[in-house]
């Protein structure tokens, strides 16, 4: 649940909506999230007072969710098997 809040605060979009994006829009959402993770990482390296490990972890989990979610209407080469009788 934290990753949803972190993603929304960092990127201004609901995580569920980002998972439904396709093509270029999906790539841009991933890029935006990767930049947010990098900014958070740099805060940690510099020991900045506003660094938050939980936010860093939540952003990484959100990125993993977006990268791991199949694009809508994609088949990924998987064939569906009919139920055996």
N, C-alpha and C. Protein backbone atom coordinates (compact mmCIF):
# COMPACT_ATOMS: atom_id res chain seq x y z
N UNK A 1 0.81 -1.18 0.00
CA UNK A 1 0.00 0.00 0.00
C UNK A 1 0.86 1.26 0.00
N UNK A 2 2.03 1.20 0.64
CA UNK A 2 2.91 2.36 0.67
C UNK A 2 3.38 2.74 -0.72
N UNK A 3 3.59 1.73 -1.58
CA UNK A 3 4.08 2.04 -2.91
C UNK A 3 3.07 2.85 -3.71
N UNK A 4 1.78 2.64 -3.45
CA UNK A 4 0.74 3.41 -4.14
C UNK A 4 0.81 4.88 -3.75
N UNK A 5 0.96 5.13 -2.45
CA UNK A 5 1.05 6.51 -1.97
C UNK A 5 2.33 7.17 -2.46
N UNK A 6 3.45 6.45 -2.38
CA UNK A 6 4.73 7.02 -2.82
C UNK A 6 4.69 7.32 -4.31
N UNK A 7 4.11 6.43 -5.10
CA UNK A 7 4.03 6.66 -6.54
C UNK A 7 3.17 7.88 -6.84
N UNK A 8 2.01 7.96 -6.18
CA UNK A 8 1.12 9.08 -6.43
C UNK A 8 1.78 10.41 -6.06
N UNK A 9 2.46 10.44 -4.91
CA UNK A 9 3.11 11.68 -4.47
C UNK A 9 4.28 12.05 -5.37
N UNK A 10 4.99 11.07 -5.88
CA UNK A 10 6.16 11.34 -6.72
C UNK A 10 5.80 11.66 -8.16
N UNK A 11 4.79 10.98 -8.68
CA UNK A 11 4.50 11.07 -10.11
C UNK A 11 3.14 11.67 -10.43
N UNK A 12 2.29 11.85 -9.44
CA UNK A 12 1.00 12.47 -9.67
C UNK A 12 0.01 11.60 -10.41
N UNK A 13 0.17 10.28 -10.31
CA UNK A 13 -0.73 9.36 -11.00
C UNK A 13 -0.95 8.16 -10.10
N UNK A 14 -2.13 7.58 -10.18
CA UNK A 14 -2.42 6.38 -9.41
C UNK A 14 -1.61 5.21 -9.97
N UNK A 15 -1.12 4.35 -9.09
CA UNK A 15 -0.32 3.20 -9.52
C UNK A 15 -1.13 2.26 -10.40
N UNK A 16 -2.39 2.07 -10.08
CA UNK A 16 -3.25 1.21 -10.90
C UNK A 16 -3.40 1.74 -12.31
N UNK A 17 -3.51 3.07 -12.44
CA UNK A 17 -3.59 3.67 -13.77
C UNK A 17 -2.28 3.49 -14.53
N UNK A 18 -1.17 3.60 -13.82
CA UNK A 18 0.14 3.45 -14.47
C UNK A 18 0.34 2.03 -14.97
N UNK A 19 -0.20 1.05 -14.25
CA UNK A 19 -0.07 -0.33 -14.69
C UNK A 19 -0.88 -0.60 -15.96
N UNK A 20 -1.87 0.22 -16.23
CA UNK A 20 -2.71 0.02 -17.41
C UNK A 20 -2.17 0.75 -18.64
N UNK A 21 -1.13 1.54 -18.48
CA UNK A 21 -0.57 2.27 -19.61
C UNK A 21 0.10 1.32 -20.59
N UNK A 22 0.22 1.76 -21.85
CA UNK A 22 0.87 0.95 -22.88
C UNK A 22 1.90 1.80 -23.60
N UNK A 23 2.85 1.12 -24.20
CA UNK A 23 3.81 1.74 -25.10
C UNK A 23 4.61 2.88 -24.51
N UNK A 24 4.61 3.99 -25.24
CA UNK A 24 5.42 5.14 -24.87
C UNK A 24 5.00 5.74 -23.52
N UNK A 25 3.71 5.77 -23.27
CA UNK A 25 3.22 6.33 -22.00
C UNK A 25 3.72 5.50 -20.82
N UNK A 26 3.73 4.19 -21.00
CA UNK A 26 4.23 3.30 -19.94
C UNK A 26 5.72 3.52 -19.72
N UNK A 27 6.46 3.66 -20.79
CA UNK A 27 7.91 3.90 -20.68
C UNK A 27 8.19 5.23 -19.98
N UNK A 28 7.38 6.24 -20.27
CA UNK A 28 7.56 7.54 -19.61
C UNK A 28 7.25 7.45 -18.12
N UNK A 29 6.23 6.68 -17.75
CA UNK A 29 5.90 6.50 -16.35
C UNK A 29 7.03 5.79 -15.62
N UNK A 30 7.62 4.78 -16.27
CA UNK A 30 8.76 4.08 -15.67
C UNK A 30 9.95 5.00 -15.51
N UNK A 31 10.21 5.80 -16.52
CA UNK A 31 11.33 6.74 -16.46
C UNK A 31 11.14 7.75 -15.34
N UNK A 32 9.93 8.26 -15.20
CA UNK A 32 9.63 9.22 -14.14
C UNK A 32 9.88 8.59 -12.76
N UNK A 33 9.48 7.34 -12.62
CA UNK A 33 9.67 6.63 -11.36
C UNK A 33 11.15 6.34 -11.11
N UNK A 34 11.87 5.96 -12.15
CA UNK A 34 13.31 5.72 -12.00
C UNK A 34 14.04 6.99 -11.57
N UNK A 35 13.62 8.14 -12.11
CA UNK A 35 14.24 9.41 -11.70
C UNK A 35 13.93 9.72 -10.24
N UNK A 36 12.70 9.44 -9.80
CA UNK A 36 12.32 9.67 -8.41
C UNK A 36 13.15 8.78 -7.47
N UNK A 37 13.38 7.54 -7.88
CA UNK A 37 14.20 6.63 -7.08
C UNK A 37 15.64 7.14 -7.01
N UNK A 38 16.16 7.61 -8.12
CA UNK A 38 17.53 8.13 -8.14
C UNK A 38 17.66 9.36 -7.25
N UNK A 39 16.68 10.26 -7.31
CA UNK A 39 16.72 11.44 -6.43
C UNK A 39 16.70 11.02 -4.96
N UNK A 40 15.87 10.04 -4.64
CA UNK A 40 15.80 9.57 -3.26
C UNK A 40 17.12 8.90 -2.85
N UNK A 41 17.71 8.15 -3.77
CA UNK A 41 19.00 7.50 -3.48
C UNK A 41 20.08 8.54 -3.19
N UNK A 42 20.09 9.60 -4.00
CA UNK A 42 21.09 10.65 -3.79
C UNK A 42 20.89 11.36 -2.45
N UNK A 43 19.64 11.53 -2.03
CA UNK A 43 19.39 12.10 -0.71
C UNK A 43 20.01 11.21 0.37
N UNK A 44 19.87 9.90 0.20
CA UNK A 44 20.42 8.98 1.18
C UNK A 44 21.93 9.02 1.22
N UNK A 45 22.55 9.08 0.05
CA UNK A 45 24.01 9.13 -0.02
C UNK A 45 24.53 10.39 0.66
N UNK A 46 23.81 11.49 0.48
CA UNK A 46 24.24 12.77 1.06
C UNK A 46 23.77 12.95 2.50
N UNK A 47 23.06 11.94 3.02
CA UNK A 47 22.50 11.99 4.37
C UNK A 47 21.64 13.23 4.59
N UNK A 48 20.85 13.54 3.57
CA UNK A 48 19.96 14.69 3.64
C UNK A 48 18.87 14.42 4.67
N UNK A 49 18.44 15.46 5.38
CA UNK A 49 17.46 15.30 6.45
C UNK A 49 16.12 14.79 5.94
N UNK A 50 15.79 15.00 4.67
CA UNK A 50 14.48 14.59 4.18
C UNK A 50 14.48 13.18 3.55
N UNK A 51 15.63 12.49 3.59
CA UNK A 51 15.68 11.13 3.05
C UNK A 51 14.79 10.22 3.88
N UNK A 52 14.04 9.36 3.19
CA UNK A 52 13.15 8.43 3.87
C UNK A 52 13.34 7.04 3.25
N UNK A 53 13.89 6.13 4.02
CA UNK A 53 14.14 4.78 3.53
C UNK A 53 12.83 4.10 3.13
N UNK A 54 11.78 4.32 3.88
CA UNK A 54 10.49 3.70 3.54
C UNK A 54 9.98 4.20 2.19
N UNK A 55 10.15 5.49 1.92
CA UNK A 55 9.73 6.04 0.62
C UNK A 55 10.57 5.43 -0.49
N UNK A 56 11.88 5.29 -0.24
CA UNK A 56 12.79 4.71 -1.22
C UNK A 56 12.35 3.28 -1.56
N UNK A 57 12.07 2.50 -0.53
CA UNK A 57 11.62 1.12 -0.73
C UNK A 57 10.29 1.09 -1.47
N UNK A 58 9.36 1.96 -1.08
CA UNK A 58 8.04 1.98 -1.71
C UNK A 58 8.14 2.35 -3.19
N UNK A 59 9.01 3.30 -3.52
CA UNK A 59 9.19 3.66 -4.93
C UNK A 59 9.75 2.49 -5.73
N UNK A 60 10.70 1.77 -5.15
CA UNK A 60 11.29 0.61 -5.83
C UNK A 60 10.23 -0.47 -6.03
N UNK A 61 9.39 -0.70 -5.02
CA UNK A 61 8.33 -1.70 -5.16
C UNK A 61 7.33 -1.29 -6.23
N UNK A 62 7.03 0.00 -6.31
CA UNK A 62 6.11 0.48 -7.34
C UNK A 62 6.70 0.26 -8.73
N UNK A 63 8.01 0.53 -8.88
CA UNK A 63 8.67 0.29 -10.16
C UNK A 63 8.62 -1.19 -10.53
N UNK A 64 8.88 -2.05 -9.55
CA UNK A 64 8.82 -3.49 -9.80
C UNK A 64 7.42 -3.91 -10.23
N UNK A 65 6.39 -3.32 -9.63
CA UNK A 65 5.02 -3.64 -10.01
C UNK A 65 4.72 -3.23 -11.45
N UNK A 66 5.16 -2.03 -11.81
CA UNK A 66 4.91 -1.55 -13.17
C UNK A 66 5.68 -2.38 -14.19
N UNK A 67 6.93 -2.68 -13.89
CA UNK A 67 7.73 -3.48 -14.83
C UNK A 67 7.22 -4.90 -14.93
N UNK A 68 6.70 -5.43 -13.83
CA UNK A 68 6.25 -6.81 -13.81
C UNK A 68 4.85 -7.02 -14.36
N UNK A 69 4.06 -5.96 -14.37
CA UNK A 69 2.68 -6.08 -14.85
C UNK A 69 2.67 -6.15 -16.38
N UNK A 70 1.98 -7.12 -16.95
CA UNK A 70 1.91 -7.17 -18.40
C UNK A 70 1.10 -6.00 -18.94
N UNK A 71 1.44 -5.57 -20.13
CA UNK A 71 0.68 -4.49 -20.76
C UNK A 71 -0.72 -5.00 -21.06
N UNK A 72 -1.70 -4.14 -20.97
CA UNK A 72 -3.07 -4.56 -21.30
C UNK A 72 -3.14 -5.09 -22.74
N UNK A 73 -3.90 -6.15 -22.92
CA UNK A 73 -4.10 -6.79 -24.22
C UNK A 73 -2.83 -7.40 -24.78
N UNK A 74 -1.87 -7.74 -23.93
CA UNK A 74 -0.68 -8.43 -24.43
C UNK A 74 -0.81 -9.90 -24.08
N UNK A 75 -0.28 -10.74 -24.93
CA UNK A 75 -0.42 -12.18 -24.72
C UNK A 75 0.83 -12.81 -24.15
N UNK A 76 1.97 -12.15 -24.25
CA UNK A 76 3.24 -12.65 -23.72
C UNK A 76 3.58 -14.05 -24.24
N UNK A 77 3.01 -14.44 -25.35
CA UNK A 77 3.33 -15.73 -25.94
C UNK A 77 2.75 -16.91 -25.19
N UNK A 78 1.88 -16.68 -24.25
CA UNK A 78 1.30 -17.77 -23.48
C UNK A 78 0.03 -18.25 -24.16
N UNK A 79 -0.15 -19.54 -24.16
CA UNK A 79 -1.36 -20.12 -24.72
C UNK A 79 -2.26 -20.56 -23.58
N UNK A 80 -3.52 -20.31 -23.72
CA UNK A 80 -4.46 -20.75 -22.71
C UNK A 80 -4.89 -22.17 -23.00
N UNK A 81 -4.94 -22.93 -21.95
CA UNK A 81 -5.36 -24.32 -22.09
C UNK A 81 -6.82 -24.44 -21.67
N UNK A 82 -7.54 -25.26 -22.39
CA UNK A 82 -8.92 -25.49 -22.01
C UNK A 82 -8.96 -26.40 -20.80
N UNK A 83 -10.02 -26.28 -20.04
CA UNK A 83 -10.18 -27.09 -18.84
C UNK A 83 -10.44 -28.54 -19.23
N UNK A 84 -9.75 -29.43 -18.53
CA UNK A 84 -9.94 -30.86 -18.80
C UNK A 84 -11.25 -31.33 -18.19
N UNK A 85 -11.87 -32.27 -18.89
CA UNK A 85 -13.16 -32.81 -18.39
C UNK A 85 -12.94 -34.10 -17.68
